[in-house]
Amino acid sequence: FKTVAEMSDDKDNSTFKTDSDNIMDSVDSDSNTKEEHKFGANEIDMDPEERQKREEMKDFDTYLRKVLDDSIVKKSEITCLNFESWFVENGIKHPIKIKYQLGSKPHEITILEKKYQLKELYICDSIKSTRVANLWDLFVGAKVDVFGKPTILKKC
């Protein structure tokens, strides 16, 4: 058995080497090659706008904050969810459009180009049970009650 001190002495005297030193030496030997590895293209060939974007991305914290702020702005611009479905009557496919308003506006259902306003939209939980739908209940495949008929949301 070896003691911890003896094991550490063995590590110091080891001849194990990796190829990472050789790789780094080859990258450092040519500055253009280094830039290509770092950015994917030579900075000389870039237009000024692209160069500015790459400079901004060097500071990851700034980049991450900008991306998060942009996504929050985009999410706050969403005012409604639009779903499509259809029903078949006498072999003819008729579209149904459901516009679920996220604010306090009434929801809108369009059947055969005629619009209907609803205060509440209902989810079909089972054959005879319905409840008021909230935002998280609506998805492609959800079953909603459209004037007493269960309708599956087909497209969003």
Protein backbone atom coordinates (compact mmCIF):
# COMPACT_ATOMS: atom_id res chain seq x y z
CA PHE A 1 0.00 0.00 0.00
CA LYS A 2 1.16 3.55 -0.75
CA THR A 3 0.55 6.60 1.35
CA VAL A 4 -1.06 9.72 -0.04
CA ALA A 5 2.32 11.47 -0.13
CA GLU A 6 3.85 8.62 -2.14
CA MET A 7 0.95 8.70 -4.59
CA SER A 8 1.34 12.45 -5.13
CA ASP A 9 5.08 11.93 -5.77
CA ASP A 10 4.18 9.36 -8.45
CA LYS A 11 1.85 11.86 -10.15
CA ASP A 12 4.58 14.49 -10.30
CA ASN A 13 6.97 12.04 -11.97
CA SER A 14 4.44 10.65 -14.47
CA THR A 15 5.17 10.87 -18.17
CA PHE A 16 1.50 11.00 -19.21
CA LYS A 17 0.88 13.76 -21.78
CA THR A 18 -2.17 14.87 -23.68
CA ASP A 19 -2.50 16.19 -27.19
CA SER A 20 -4.23 19.35 -25.97
CA ASP A 21 -0.90 21.18 -25.70
CA ASN A 22 -0.13 20.40 -29.33
CA ILE A 23 -3.59 21.52 -30.43
CA MET A 24 -3.31 24.83 -28.58
CA ASP A 25 0.18 25.40 -30.04
CA SER A 26 -1.12 24.88 -33.58
CA VAL A 27 -4.05 27.25 -33.00
CA ASP A 28 -1.82 29.92 -31.46
CA SER A 29 0.71 29.69 -34.29
CA ASP A 30 -1.58 31.36 -36.85
CA SER A 31 -3.71 34.31 -35.71
CA ASN A 32 -6.14 34.05 -38.66
CA THR A 33 -6.70 30.38 -37.90
CA LYS A 34 -7.35 31.30 -34.29
CA GLU A 35 -9.98 33.86 -35.29
CA GLU A 36 -11.65 31.33 -37.60
CA HIS A 37 -11.85 28.78 -34.77
CA LYS A 38 -13.18 31.38 -32.37
CA PHE A 39 -15.81 33.01 -34.56
CA GLY A 40 -16.34 30.65 -37.50
CA ALA A 41 -15.19 33.27 -40.04
CA ASN A 42 -12.33 35.67 -40.50
CA GLU A 43 -13.18 39.05 -38.91
CA ILE A 44 -11.67 40.91 -41.87
CA ASP A 45 -14.36 39.49 -44.19
CA MET A 46 -17.26 40.54 -41.89
CA ASP A 47 -19.46 43.55 -42.43
CA PRO A 48 -19.47 46.15 -39.61
CA GLU A 49 -22.93 45.16 -38.37
CA GLU A 50 -21.92 41.51 -37.96
CA ARG A 51 -18.70 42.54 -36.24
CA GLN A 52 -20.69 44.67 -33.76
CA LYS A 53 -23.04 41.75 -33.00
CA ARG A 54 -20.08 39.48 -32.32
CA GLU A 55 -18.50 42.05 -30.02
CA GLU A 56 -21.77 42.28 -28.07
CA MET A 57 -21.93 38.50 -27.75
CA LYS A 58 -18.47 38.37 -26.17
CA ASP A 59 -19.97 39.66 -22.96
CA PHE A 60 -22.30 36.73 -22.23
CA ASP A 61 -24.07 38.43 -19.33
CA THR A 62 -25.08 41.38 -21.52
CA TYR A 63 -26.12 39.03 -24.31
CA LEU A 64 -28.24 36.88 -21.98
CA ARG A 65 -30.00 39.89 -20.49
CA LYS A 66 -30.79 41.24 -23.95
CA VAL A 67 -32.26 37.92 -25.11
CA LEU A 68 -34.40 37.61 -21.98
CA ASP A 69 -35.65 41.19 -22.27
CA ASP A 70 -36.56 40.65 -25.93
CA SER A 71 -38.50 37.46 -25.11
CA ILE A 72 -40.44 39.22 -22.32
CA VAL A 73 -41.43 42.00 -24.72
CA LYS A 74 -42.58 39.49 -27.33
CA LYS A 75 -44.63 37.54 -24.77
CA SER A 76 -46.33 40.70 -23.50
CA GLU A 77 -47.46 41.53 -27.05
CA ILE A 78 -49.63 38.37 -27.24
CA THR A 79 -53.29 39.33 -26.81
CA CYS A 80 -55.16 36.22 -27.96
CA LEU A 81 -54.88 32.57 -28.98
CA ASN A 82 -56.36 31.57 -32.34
CA PHE A 83 -57.47 27.98 -32.84
CA GLU A 84 -58.97 26.25 -35.85
CA SER A 85 -61.15 23.19 -36.10
CA TRP A 86 -63.89 21.93 -38.41
CA PHE A 87 -66.98 19.82 -38.61
CA VAL A 88 -68.36 17.76 -41.48
CA GLU A 89 -72.01 18.11 -42.44
CA ASN A 90 -73.48 16.29 -45.46
CA GLY A 91 -69.95 15.46 -46.63
CA ILE A 92 -68.87 19.12 -46.58
CA LYS A 93 -66.08 20.30 -44.28
CA HIS A 94 -66.96 23.54 -42.46
CA PRO A 95 -64.23 25.50 -40.63
CA ILE A 96 -64.57 26.74 -37.06
CA LYS A 97 -62.28 29.47 -35.74
CA ILE A 98 -61.97 30.11 -32.02
CA LYS A 99 -60.29 33.29 -30.77
CA TYR A 100 -59.52 33.07 -27.05
CA GLN A 101 -58.90 36.59 -25.70
CA LEU A 102 -56.29 36.85 -22.93
CA GLY A 103 -57.73 40.11 -21.63
CA SER A 104 -61.26 40.88 -20.49
CA LYS A 105 -62.66 41.04 -24.03
CA PRO A 106 -65.24 38.41 -25.05
CA HIS A 107 -64.02 35.32 -26.88
CA GLU A 108 -65.00 34.92 -30.51
CA ILE A 109 -66.17 31.84 -32.42
CA THR A 110 -66.56 31.98 -36.20
CA ILE A 111 -68.69 29.30 -37.84
CA LEU A 112 -69.59 29.48 -41.54
CA GLU A 113 -68.23 33.05 -41.71
CA LYS A 114 -70.60 34.17 -38.92
CA LYS A 115 -69.04 35.53 -35.70
CA TYR A 116 -70.37 34.82 -32.21
CA GLN A 117 -69.20 36.53 -29.02
CA LEU A 118 -68.87 34.47 -25.81
CA LYS A 119 -68.08 35.55 -22.26
CA GLU A 120 -66.73 32.11 -21.35
CA LEU A 121 -65.32 29.15 -23.23
CA TYR A 122 -65.86 25.68 -21.77
CA ILE A 123 -63.59 22.63 -21.69
CA CYS A 124 -65.17 19.17 -22.00
CA ASP A 125 -63.79 17.16 -19.06
CA SER A 126 -65.93 14.10 -19.73
CA ILE A 127 -69.09 13.19 -21.63
CA LYS A 128 -71.48 15.39 -19.61
CA SER A 129 -69.08 17.52 -17.58
CA THR A 130 -67.78 20.90 -18.65
CA ARG A 131 -65.92 23.67 -16.87
CA VAL A 132 -64.75 27.17 -17.73
CA ALA A 133 -61.51 27.06 -19.71
CA ASN A 134 -58.47 28.98 -18.64
CA LEU A 135 -55.34 29.70 -20.65
CA TRP A 136 -53.52 26.52 -19.62
CA ASP A 137 -56.42 24.27 -20.68
CA LEU A 138 -56.13 25.24 -24.35
CA PHE A 139 -53.83 23.31 -26.67
CA VAL A 140 -54.01 21.43 -29.96
CA GLY A 141 -56.05 18.33 -29.13
CA ALA A 142 -58.05 19.90 -26.30
CA LYS A 143 -61.80 19.32 -26.42
CA VAL A 144 -63.95 22.46 -26.04
CA ASP A 145 -67.71 22.89 -25.97
CA VAL A 146 -68.93 24.86 -29.00
CA PHE A 147 -72.66 25.45 -28.58
CA GLY A 148 -73.20 22.06 -26.94
CA LYS A 149 -71.01 20.05 -29.33
CA PRO A 150 -67.58 18.82 -28.20
CA THR A 151 -65.00 20.16 -30.64
CA ILE A 152 -61.32 19.19 -30.73
CA LEU A 153 -58.90 22.05 -31.36
CA LYS A 154 -56.96 21.01 -34.47
CA LYS A 155 -54.61 23.91 -35.22
CA CYS A 156 -53.23 26.89 -33.31
